[in-house]
Amino acid sequence: MTLDYHLHTTRCQHATGTMDEYVEQGLKMGLKEIGFADHLPLSPAPRGTWSCDWAMQEEELEEYISDVIKLQKEYPEIKIKLGIEADYFPESIKKTKTLLNNSSWDYIIGSVHHIGPWPIDSSLYLGEFTKRDLYKTYETYFELVAGAARSGLYDIMGHLDVIKKYGFRPQVDLGSLYKDLVKELKASDVAFEINTSGLRKPVKEIYPAPALLEELLKGNVPVTLGSDSHAPSEVGKDFEVAIKLLKEFGVSKIASFTGRTRLLIPLE
């Protein structure tokens, strides 16, 4: 069975298409299961955070939930899961918990888009990469990802190395950082996604990088699939690349979620 657990909607302010179109594309791609995981309102963002306008508003959250439930009834031929992507802000974890308590999610994707007030995957602030020690920046980023996993808020950690999006990478081996992160994810019993959207970004590489993916799979961290679709045409996009990669590493089962309970199902 193939699934795509990372679909966005126009509520995040940087996606296009109707929710029905995402479902229709999922059917066209032969997916057995899809999940919407739009951005949780960013109101927990630390004060002073730069350009935090890529998530739904708090007043839209209930409508989003209702729309997913409506689609579940309208498309019985495909499993549609209610997910959410929630940014990790250690400074305001209580507010995030409050927002996440508003519904019965099938899964919650945890993501780190910020180091302090800096949105690391925004093209508006690329100059920050040249002002900082890249290895230390990666170290701080992965510490935040580990902190998110330890928080217990999340079922899946999203685009684990999105920090590489624009191609800024240390010219040193990241193996020790990868190993430390894998230990944290395993200890926290969270899954991770192989996210194909990196192939559509300047870095032109799946998240996570092959070396990190290998460490995760050697460490028996459960894996699931996500396209990070921001347009209907991106649903299930490049999954043949992801599936081939997983099979090369001997993966035969991926994680699915219902009511935040994880189940391993056949990859195809």
C-alpha atoms as a PDB file:
ATOM      1  CA  MET A   1       0.000   0.000   0.000  1.00  0.00           C
ATOM      2  CA  THR A   2       1.277   3.451  -0.879  1.00  0.00           C
ATOM      3  CA  LEU A   3       0.239   6.548   1.033  1.00  0.00           C
ATOM      4  CA  ASP A   4       0.960  10.267   1.079  1.00  0.00           C
ATOM      5  CA  TYR A   5       0.636  11.877   4.493  1.00  0.00           C
ATOM      6  CA  HIS A   6       1.763  15.416   3.730  1.00  0.00           C
ATOM      7  CA  LEU A   7      -0.790  17.435   1.774  1.00  0.00           C
ATOM      8  CA  HIS A   8      -1.376  21.145   2.346  1.00  0.00           C
ATOM      9  CA  THR A   9      -4.311  23.439   1.593  1.00  0.00           C
ATOM     10  CA  THR A  10      -4.671  27.075   0.589  1.00  0.00           C
ATOM     11  CA  ARG A  11      -5.122  27.980   4.246  1.00  0.00           C
ATOM     12  CA  CYS A  12      -1.356  27.911   4.671  1.00  0.00           C
ATOM     13  CA  GLN A  13      -1.199  30.914   2.302  1.00  0.00           C
ATOM     14  CA  HIS A  14       1.388  29.363  -0.019  1.00  0.00           C
ATOM     15  CA  ALA A  15      -0.519  26.478  -1.627  1.00  0.00           C
ATOM     16  CA  THR A  16      -2.938  26.296  -4.549  1.00  0.00           C
ATOM     17  CA  GLY A  17      -5.911  24.150  -5.548  1.00  0.00           C
ATOM     18  CA  THR A  18      -9.000  22.843  -3.791  1.00  0.00           C
ATOM     19  CA  MET A  19      -8.920  19.993  -1.309  1.00  0.00           C
ATOM     20  CA  ASP A  20     -11.057  17.938  -3.700  1.00  0.00           C
ATOM     21  CA  GLU A  21      -8.379  18.332  -6.352  1.00  0.00           C
ATOM     22  CA  TYR A  22      -5.757  16.903  -4.005  1.00  0.00           C
ATOM     23  CA  VAL A  23      -7.977  13.889  -3.343  1.00  0.00           C
ATOM     24  CA  GLU A  24      -8.678  13.400  -7.049  1.00  0.00           C
ATOM     25  CA  GLN A  25      -4.964  13.504  -7.788  1.00  0.00           C
ATOM     26  CA  GLY A  26      -4.360  10.926  -5.056  1.00  0.00           C
ATOM     27  CA  LEU A  27      -6.853   8.624  -6.741  1.00  0.00           C
ATOM     28  CA  LYS A  28      -5.238   9.262 -10.124  1.00  0.00           C
ATOM     29  CA  MET A  29      -1.838   8.344  -8.683  1.00  0.00           C
ATOM     30  CA  GLY A  30      -3.227   5.077  -7.336  1.00  0.00           C
ATOM     31  CA  LEU A  31      -2.692   5.975  -3.690  1.00  0.00           C
ATOM     32  CA  LYS A  32      -4.625   3.903  -1.178  1.00  0.00           C
ATOM     33  CA  GLU A  33      -4.360   6.466   1.592  1.00  0.00           C
ATOM     34  CA  ILE A  34      -3.732  10.198   1.849  1.00  0.00           C
ATOM     35  CA  GLY A  35      -3.551  12.625   4.719  1.00  0.00           C
ATOM     36  CA  PHE A  36      -3.938  16.369   4.913  1.00  0.00           C
ATOM     37  CA  ALA A  37      -1.338  17.960   7.151  1.00  0.00           C
ATOM     38  CA  ASP A  38      -1.662  21.696   6.793  1.00  0.00           C
ATOM     39  CA  HIS A  39       0.272  24.094   9.008  1.00  0.00           C
ATOM     40  CA  LEU A  40      -1.058  24.573  12.513  1.00  0.00           C
ATOM     41  CA  PRO A  41      -1.556  28.283  13.277  1.00  0.00           C
ATOM     42  CA  LEU A  42       1.802  29.885  13.996  1.00  0.00           C
ATOM     43  CA  SER A  43       0.511  31.942  16.878  1.00  0.00           C
ATOM     44  CA  PRO A  44       2.906  30.121  19.216  1.00  0.00           C
ATOM     45  CA  ALA A  45       5.841  31.592  17.259  1.00  0.00           C
ATOM     46  CA  PRO A  46       8.246  33.529  19.473  1.00  0.00           C
ATOM     47  CA  ARG A  47       7.715  37.264  19.471  1.00  0.00           C
ATOM     48  CA  GLY A  48       9.934  38.881  16.875  1.00  0.00           C
ATOM     49  CA  THR A  49       9.997  35.874  14.555  1.00  0.00           C
ATOM     50  CA  TRP A  50      10.581  37.005  10.986  1.00  0.00           C
ATOM     51  CA  SER A  51       7.880  36.533   8.365  1.00  0.00           C
ATOM     52  CA  CYS A  52       5.666  33.920  10.014  1.00  0.00           C
ATOM     53  CA  ASP A  53       2.788  34.121   7.559  1.00  0.00           C
ATOM     54  CA  TRP A  54       2.789  30.578   6.179  1.00  0.00           C
ATOM     55  CA  ALA A  55       0.109  28.915   8.291  1.00  0.00           C
ATOM     56  CA  MET A  56      -3.625  28.963   8.769  1.00  0.00           C
ATOM     57  CA  GLN A  57      -5.210  31.389  11.205  1.00  0.00           C
ATOM     58  CA  GLU A  58      -6.576  30.092  14.500  1.00  0.00           C
ATOM     59  CA  GLU A  59     -10.145  30.795  13.423  1.00  0.00           C
ATOM     60  CA  GLU A  60      -9.625  28.525  10.371  1.00  0.00           C
ATOM     61  CA  LEU A  61      -8.606  25.439  12.329  1.00  0.00           C
ATOM     62  CA  GLU A  62     -12.090  24.068  13.015  1.00  0.00           C
ATOM     63  CA  GLU A  63     -13.133  24.671   9.406  1.00  0.00           C
ATOM     64  CA  TYR A  64     -10.062  22.766   8.213  1.00  0.00           C
ATOM     65  CA  ILE A  65     -10.966  19.820  10.432  1.00  0.00           C
ATOM     66  CA  SER A  66     -14.573  19.887   9.223  1.00  0.00           C
ATOM     67  CA  ASP A  67     -13.480  19.923   5.585  1.00  0.00           C
ATOM     68  CA  VAL A  68     -11.288  16.845   6.031  1.00  0.00           C
ATOM     69  CA  ILE A  69     -14.137  14.987   7.754  1.00  0.00           C
ATOM     70  CA  LYS A  70     -16.458  15.982   4.916  1.00  0.00           C
ATOM     71  CA  LEU A  71     -14.024  14.617   2.326  1.00  0.00           C
ATOM     72  CA  GLN A  72     -13.761  11.340   4.230  1.00  0.00           C
ATOM     73  CA  LYS A  73     -17.483  10.878   3.680  1.00  0.00           C
ATOM     74  CA  GLU A  74     -17.447  12.040   0.049  1.00  0.00           C
ATOM     75  CA  TYR A  75     -14.568   9.764  -1.022  1.00  0.00           C
ATOM     76  CA  PRO A  76     -15.065   6.347   0.606  1.00  0.00           C
ATOM     77  CA  GLU A  77     -12.881   4.771  -2.096  1.00  0.00           C
ATOM     78  CA  ILE A  78      -9.704   6.235  -0.552  1.00  0.00           C
ATOM     79  CA  LYS A  79      -8.657   6.536   3.072  1.00  0.00           C
ATOM     80  CA  ILE A  80      -8.315  10.194   4.013  1.00  0.00           C
ATOM     81  CA  LYS A  81      -6.569  10.928   7.294  1.00  0.00           C
ATOM     82  CA  LEU A  82      -6.811  14.020   9.470  1.00  0.00           C
ATOM     83  CA  GLY A  83      -3.308  15.246  10.112  1.00  0.00           C
ATOM     84  CA  ILE A  84      -1.616  18.508  10.976  1.00  0.00           C
ATOM     85  CA  GLU A  85       1.915  19.884  10.675  1.00  0.00           C
ATOM     86  CA  ALA A  86       2.893  21.691  13.842  1.00  0.00           C
ATOM     87  CA  ASP A  87       6.021  23.808  14.168  1.00  0.00           C
ATOM     88  CA  TYR A  88       8.149  23.211  17.237  1.00  0.00           C
ATOM     89  CA  PHE A  89       8.818  26.325  19.279  1.00  0.00           C
ATOM     90  CA  PRO A  90      10.374  25.360  22.642  1.00  0.00           C
ATOM     91  CA  GLU A  91       9.501  28.780  24.072  1.00  0.00           C
ATOM     92  CA  SER A  92       5.771  28.319  23.611  1.00  0.00           C
ATOM     93  CA  ILE A  93       5.131  24.610  23.829  1.00  0.00           C
ATOM     94  CA  LYS A  94       2.073  25.082  26.069  1.00  0.00           C
ATOM     95  CA  LYS A  95       0.227  27.075  23.407  1.00  0.00           C
ATOM     96  CA  THR A  96       1.054  24.464  20.791  1.00  0.00           C
ATOM     97  CA  LYS A  97      -0.351  21.746  23.061  1.00  0.00           C
ATOM     98  CA  THR A  98      -3.525  23.761  23.534  1.00  0.00           C
ATOM     99  CA  LEU A  99      -4.050  24.097  19.791  1.00  0.00           C
ATOM    100  CA  LEU A 100      -3.359  20.411  19.214  1.00  0.00           C
ATOM    101  CA  ASN A 101      -5.857  19.387  21.885  1.00  0.00           C
ATOM    102  CA  ASN A 102      -8.724  20.742  19.786  1.00  0.00           C
ATOM    103  CA  SER A 103      -9.324  17.573  17.784  1.00  0.00           C
ATOM    104  CA  SER A 104      -8.732  13.847  17.418  1.00  0.00           C
ATOM    105  CA  TRP A 105      -5.877  13.744  14.939  1.00  0.00           C
ATOM    106  CA  ASP A 106      -4.810  10.659  13.057  1.00  0.00           C
ATOM    107  CA  TYR A 107      -1.232  11.928  13.222  1.00  0.00           C
ATOM    108  CA  ILE A 108       0.760  15.051  13.989  1.00  0.00           C
ATOM    109  CA  ILE A 109       3.845  15.953  11.969  1.00  0.00           C
ATOM    110  CA  GLY A 110       6.475  17.871  13.873  1.00  0.00           C
ATOM    111  CA  SER A 111       8.679  20.275  11.987  1.00  0.00           C
ATOM    112  CA  VAL A 112      11.413  22.780  12.675  1.00  0.00           C
ATOM    113  CA  HIS A 113      11.384  25.784  10.357  1.00  0.00           C
ATOM    114  CA  HIS A 114      13.085  28.241  12.706  1.00  0.00           C
ATOM    115  CA  ILE A 115      16.298  28.651  14.626  1.00  0.00           C
ATOM    116  CA  GLY A 116      15.289  31.312  17.098  1.00  0.00           C
ATOM    117  CA  PRO A 117      13.457  34.005  15.105  1.00  0.00           C
ATOM    118  CA  TRP A 118      15.136  32.978  11.824  1.00  0.00           C
ATOM    119  CA  PRO A 119      12.964  30.997   9.347  1.00  0.00           C
ATOM    120  CA  ILE A 120      15.672  28.783   7.875  1.00  0.00           C
ATOM    121  CA  ASP A 121      13.748  27.683   4.791  1.00  0.00           C
ATOM    122  CA  SER A 122      12.640  31.144   3.714  1.00  0.00           C
ATOM    123  CA  SER A 123      14.369  32.635   0.675  1.00  0.00           C
ATOM    124  CA  LEU A 124      14.064  36.077   2.284  1.00  0.00           C
ATOM    125  CA  TYR A 125      16.840  35.456   4.804  1.00  0.00           C
ATOM    126  CA  LEU A 126      19.475  33.407   3.003  1.00  0.00           C
ATOM    127  CA  GLY A 127      22.144  35.884   4.044  1.00  0.00           C
ATOM    128  CA  GLU A 128      21.987  34.436   7.542  1.00  0.00           C
ATOM    129  CA  PHE A 129      23.691  31.274   6.303  1.00  0.00           C
ATOM    130  CA  THR A 130      26.778  33.245   5.287  1.00  0.00           C
ATOM    131  CA  LYS A 131      26.955  35.016   8.660  1.00  0.00           C
ATOM    132  CA  ARG A 132      27.024  31.844  10.744  1.00  0.00           C
ATOM    133  CA  ASP A 133      29.208  28.800  11.293  1.00  0.00           C
ATOM    134  CA  LEU A 134      27.369  26.215   9.177  1.00  0.00           C
ATOM    135  CA  TYR A 135      28.301  23.203  11.281  1.00  0.00           C
ATOM    136  CA  LYS A 136      27.137  24.890  14.484  1.00  0.00           C
ATOM    137  CA  THR A 137      23.960  25.989  12.697  1.00  0.00           C
ATOM    138  CA  TYR A 138      23.243  22.391  11.676  1.00  0.00           C
ATOM    139  CA  GLU A 139      24.058  21.229  15.193  1.00  0.00           C
ATOM    140  CA  THR A 140      21.566  23.705  16.660  1.00  0.00           C
ATOM    141  CA  TYR A 141      18.944  22.718  14.087  1.00  0.00           C
ATOM    142  CA  PHE A 142      19.232  19.000  14.832  1.00  0.00           C
ATOM    143  CA  GLU A 143      19.128  19.713  18.567  1.00  0.00           C
ATOM    144  CA  LEU A 144      15.774  21.417  17.974  1.00  0.00           C
ATOM    145  CA  VAL A 145      14.518  18.432  15.964  1.00  0.00           C
ATOM    146  CA  ALA A 146      15.582  16.149  18.805  1.00  0.00           C
ATOM    147  CA  GLY A 147      13.831  18.421  21.297  1.00  0.00           C
ATOM    148  CA  ALA A 148      10.671  18.237  19.230  1.00  0.00           C
ATOM    149  CA  ALA A 149      10.832  14.445  19.264  1.00  0.00           C
ATOM    150  CA  ARG A 150      11.371  14.398  23.040  1.00  0.00           C
ATOM    151  CA  SER A 151       8.375  16.690  23.589  1.00  0.00           C
ATOM    152  CA  GLY A 152       5.960  13.828  22.960  1.00  0.00           C
ATOM    153  CA  LEU A 153       3.766  16.068  20.821  1.00  0.00           C
ATOM    154  CA  TYR A 154       4.478  14.421  17.511  1.00  0.00           C
ATOM    155  CA  ASP A 155       3.993  11.110  15.721  1.00  0.00           C
ATOM    156  CA  ILE A 156       6.104  11.884  12.656  1.00  0.00           C
ATOM    157  CA  MET A 157       9.092  14.162  12.269  1.00  0.00           C
ATOM    158  CA  GLY A 158       8.842  16.022   8.964  1.00  0.00           C
ATOM    159  CA  HIS A 159      11.547  16.866   6.377  1.00  0.00           C
ATOM    160  CA  LEU A 160      14.326  16.109   8.845  1.00  0.00           C
ATOM    161  CA  ASP A 161      17.054  18.079   7.095  1.00  0.00           C
ATOM    162  CA  VAL A 162      15.057  20.895   5.506  1.00  0.00           C
ATOM    163  CA  ILE A 163      17.884  23.179   6.613  1.00  0.00           C
ATOM    164  CA  LYS A 164      19.748  22.070   3.448  1.00  0.00           C
ATOM    165  CA  LYS A 165      16.929  23.382   1.198  1.00  0.00           C
ATOM    166  CA  TYR A 166      19.016  26.091  -0.491  1.00  0.00           C
ATOM    167  CA  GLY A 167      22.191  24.037  -0.683  1.00  0.00           C
ATOM    168  CA  PHE A 168      24.039  25.522   2.307  1.00  0.00           C
ATOM    169  CA  ARG A 169      25.877  22.575   3.844  1.00  0.00           C
ATOM    170  CA  PRO A 170      28.972  22.280   6.041  1.00  0.00           C
ATOM    171  CA  GLN A 171      32.084  20.994   4.310  1.00  0.00           C
ATOM    172  CA  VAL A 172      32.592  18.495   7.119  1.00  0.00           C
ATOM    173  CA  ASP A 173      31.124  15.093   7.886  1.00  0.00           C
ATOM    174  CA  LEU A 174      27.721  15.220   9.577  1.00  0.00           C
ATOM    175  CA  GLY A 175      27.799  11.570  10.642  1.00  0.00           C
ATOM    176  CA  SER A 176      27.995  12.230  14.386  1.00  0.00           C
ATOM    177  CA  LEU A 177      25.037  14.645  14.233  1.00  0.00           C
ATOM    178  CA  TYR A 178      23.055  12.060  12.267  1.00  0.00           C
ATOM    179  CA  LYS A 179      23.817   9.298  14.775  1.00  0.00           C
ATOM    180  CA  ASP A 180      22.818  11.486  17.717  1.00  0.00           C
ATOM    181  CA  LEU A 181      19.545  12.420  16.029  1.00  0.00           C
ATOM    182  CA  VAL A 182      18.699   8.786  15.263  1.00  0.00           C
ATOM    183  CA  LYS A 183      19.214   7.863  18.921  1.00  0.00           C
ATOM    184  CA  GLU A 184      16.843  10.627  19.982  1.00  0.00           C
ATOM    185  CA  LEU A 185      14.129   9.649  17.481  1.00  0.00           C
ATOM    186  CA  LYS A 186      14.385   5.993  18.434  1.00  0.00           C
ATOM    187  CA  ALA A 187      14.225   6.764  22.158  1.00  0.00           C
ATOM    188  CA  SER A 188      11.201   9.011  21.592  1.00  0.00           C
ATOM    189  CA  ASP A 189       9.436   6.347  19.490  1.00  0.00           C
ATOM    190  CA  VAL A 190       8.544   8.697  16.653  1.00  0.00           C
ATOM    191  CA  ALA A 191       8.492   7.954  12.940  1.00  0.00           C
ATOM    192  CA  PHE A 192      10.010  10.092  10.213  1.00  0.00           C
ATOM    193  CA  GLU A 193       8.935  10.859   6.686  1.00  0.00           C
ATOM    194  CA  ILE A 194      10.827  10.441   3.479  1.00  0.00           C
ATOM    195  CA  ASN A 195       9.757  13.713   1.921  1.00  0.00           C
ATOM    196  CA  THR A 196      10.063  14.079  -1.836  1.00  0.00           C
ATOM    197  CA  SER A 197       9.649  17.858  -1.929  1.00  0.00           C
ATOM    198  CA  GLY A 198      13.407  18.323  -1.622  1.00  0.00           C
ATOM    199  CA  LEU A 199      13.674  17.145  -5.222  1.00  0.00           C
ATOM    200  CA  ARG A 200      11.633  20.206  -6.202  1.00  0.00           C
ATOM    201  CA  LYS A 201      13.784  22.629  -4.195  1.00  0.00           C
ATOM    202  CA  PRO A 202      17.197  24.165  -5.014  1.00  0.00           C
ATOM    203  CA  VAL A 203      19.013  21.354  -3.175  1.00  0.00           C
ATOM    204  CA  LYS A 204      17.472  18.764  -5.559  1.00  0.00           C
ATOM    205  CA  GLU A 205      17.651  16.023  -2.924  1.00  0.00           C
ATOM    206  CA  ILE A 206      15.071  14.069  -0.969  1.00  0.00           C
ATOM    207  CA  TYR A 207      14.665  14.776   2.743  1.00  0.00           C
ATOM    208  CA  PRO A 208      16.453  13.177   4.522  1.00  0.00           C
ATOM    209  CA  ALA A 209      19.807  12.918   2.744  1.00  0.00           C
ATOM    210  CA  PRO A 210      20.844   9.351   1.839  1.00  0.00           C
ATOM    211  CA  ALA A 211      23.450   9.168   4.617  1.00  0.00           C
ATOM    212  CA  LEU A 212      20.910  10.252   7.242  1.00  0.00           C
ATOM    213  CA  LEU A 213      18.269   7.954   5.753  1.00  0.00           C
ATOM    214  CA  GLU A 214      20.674   5.038   6.044  1.00  0.00           C
ATOM    215  CA  GLU A 215      21.354   5.800   9.723  1.00  0.00           C
ATOM    216  CA  LEU A 216      17.620   6.081  10.446  1.00  0.00           C
ATOM    217  CA  LEU A 217      16.810   2.773   8.807  1.00  0.00           C
ATOM    218  CA  LYS A 218      19.792   1.023  10.430  1.00  0.00           C
ATOM    219  CA  GLY A 219      18.410   2.343  13.717  1.00  0.00           C
ATOM    220  CA  ASN A 220      14.966   0.871  12.962  1.00  0.00           C
ATOM    221  CA  VAL A 221      13.188   4.224  13.108  1.00  0.00           C
ATOM    222  CA  PRO A 222       9.790   3.768  11.387  1.00  0.00           C
ATOM    223  CA  VAL A 223       9.371   5.579   8.074  1.00  0.00           C
ATOM    224  CA  THR A 224       6.369   6.945   6.210  1.00  0.00           C
ATOM    225  CA  LEU A 225       5.893   8.852   2.939  1.00  0.00           C
ATOM    226  CA  GLY A 226       5.042  12.471   2.229  1.00  0.00           C
ATOM    227  CA  SER A 227       5.090  14.662  -0.857  1.00  0.00           C
ATOM    228  CA  ASP A 228       4.688  17.952   1.031  1.00  0.00           C
ATOM    229  CA  SER A 229       2.228  18.913  -1.703  1.00  0.00           C
ATOM    230  CA  HIS A 230       1.374  22.571  -2.106  1.00  0.00           C
ATOM    231  CA  ALA A 231      -0.437  21.968  -5.400  1.00  0.00           C
ATOM    232  CA  PRO A 232      -2.638  19.069  -6.519  1.00  0.00           C
ATOM    233  CA  SER A 233      -0.109  18.056  -9.191  1.00  0.00           C
ATOM    234  CA  GLU A 234       2.452  17.358  -6.447  1.00  0.00           C
ATOM    235  CA  VAL A 235       0.438  14.635  -4.670  1.00  0.00           C
ATOM    236  CA  GLY A 236       2.500  11.437  -4.748  1.00  0.00           C
ATOM    237  CA  LYS A 237       5.113  13.200  -6.877  1.00  0.00           C
ATOM    238  CA  ASP A 238       8.461  11.412  -7.223  1.00  0.00           C
ATOM    239  CA  PHE A 239       7.296   8.540  -5.027  1.00  0.00           C
ATOM    240  CA  GLU A 240       8.897   6.109  -7.448  1.00  0.00           C
ATOM    241  CA  VAL A 241      12.244   7.628  -6.428  1.00  0.00           C
ATOM    242  CA  ALA A 242      11.457   7.364  -2.715  1.00  0.00           C
ATOM    243  CA  ILE A 243      10.143   3.812  -2.941  1.00  0.00           C
ATOM    244  CA  LYS A 244      13.156   2.672  -4.966  1.00  0.00           C
ATOM    245  CA  LEU A 245      15.447   4.209  -2.360  1.00  0.00           C
ATOM    246  CA  LEU A 246      13.607   2.541   0.511  1.00  0.00           C
ATOM    247  CA  LYS A 247      13.711  -0.823  -1.220  1.00  0.00           C
ATOM    248  CA  GLU A 248      17.449  -0.456  -1.782  1.00  0.00           C
ATOM    249  CA  PHE A 249      17.758  -0.206   1.990  1.00  0.00           C
ATOM    250  CA  GLY A 250      15.603  -3.299   2.455  1.00  0.00           C
ATOM    251  CA  VAL A 251      12.455  -1.526   3.682  1.00  0.00           C
ATOM    252  CA  SER A 252       9.290  -3.560   3.110  1.00  0.00           C
ATOM    253  CA  LYS A 253       6.901  -1.813   5.518  1.00  0.00           C
ATOM    254  CA  ILE A 254       5.997   1.798   6.221  1.00  0.00           C
ATOM    255  CA  ALA A 255       4.120   3.484   9.046  1.00  0.00           C
ATOM    256  CA  SER A 256       0.446   4.385   8.801  1.00  0.00           C
ATOM    257  CA  PHE A 257      -1.586   6.105  11.503  1.00  0.00           C
ATOM    258  CA  THR A 258      -5.165   6.071  12.709  1.00  0.00           C
ATOM    259  CA  GLY A 259      -6.147   7.991  15.802  1.00  0.00           C
ATOM    260  CA  ARG A 260      -2.431   8.499  16.540  1.00  0.00           C
ATOM    261  CA  THR A 261      -1.862   4.748  16.665  1.00  0.00           C
ATOM    262  CA  ARG A 262       0.954   3.546  14.435  1.00  0.00           C
ATOM    263  CA  LEU A 263       0.673   0.451  12.297  1.00  0.00           C
ATOM    264  CA  LEU A 264       3.284  -0.928   9.887  1.00  0.00           C
ATOM    265  CA  ILE A 265       1.837  -1.803   6.500  1.00  0.00           C
ATOM    266  CA  PRO A 266       3.384  -3.197   3.282  1.00  0.00           C
ATOM    267  CA  LEU A 267       5.250  -0.595   1.238  1.00  0.00           C
ATOM    268  CA  GLU A 268       3.358  -1.625  -1.872  1.00  0.00           C
END
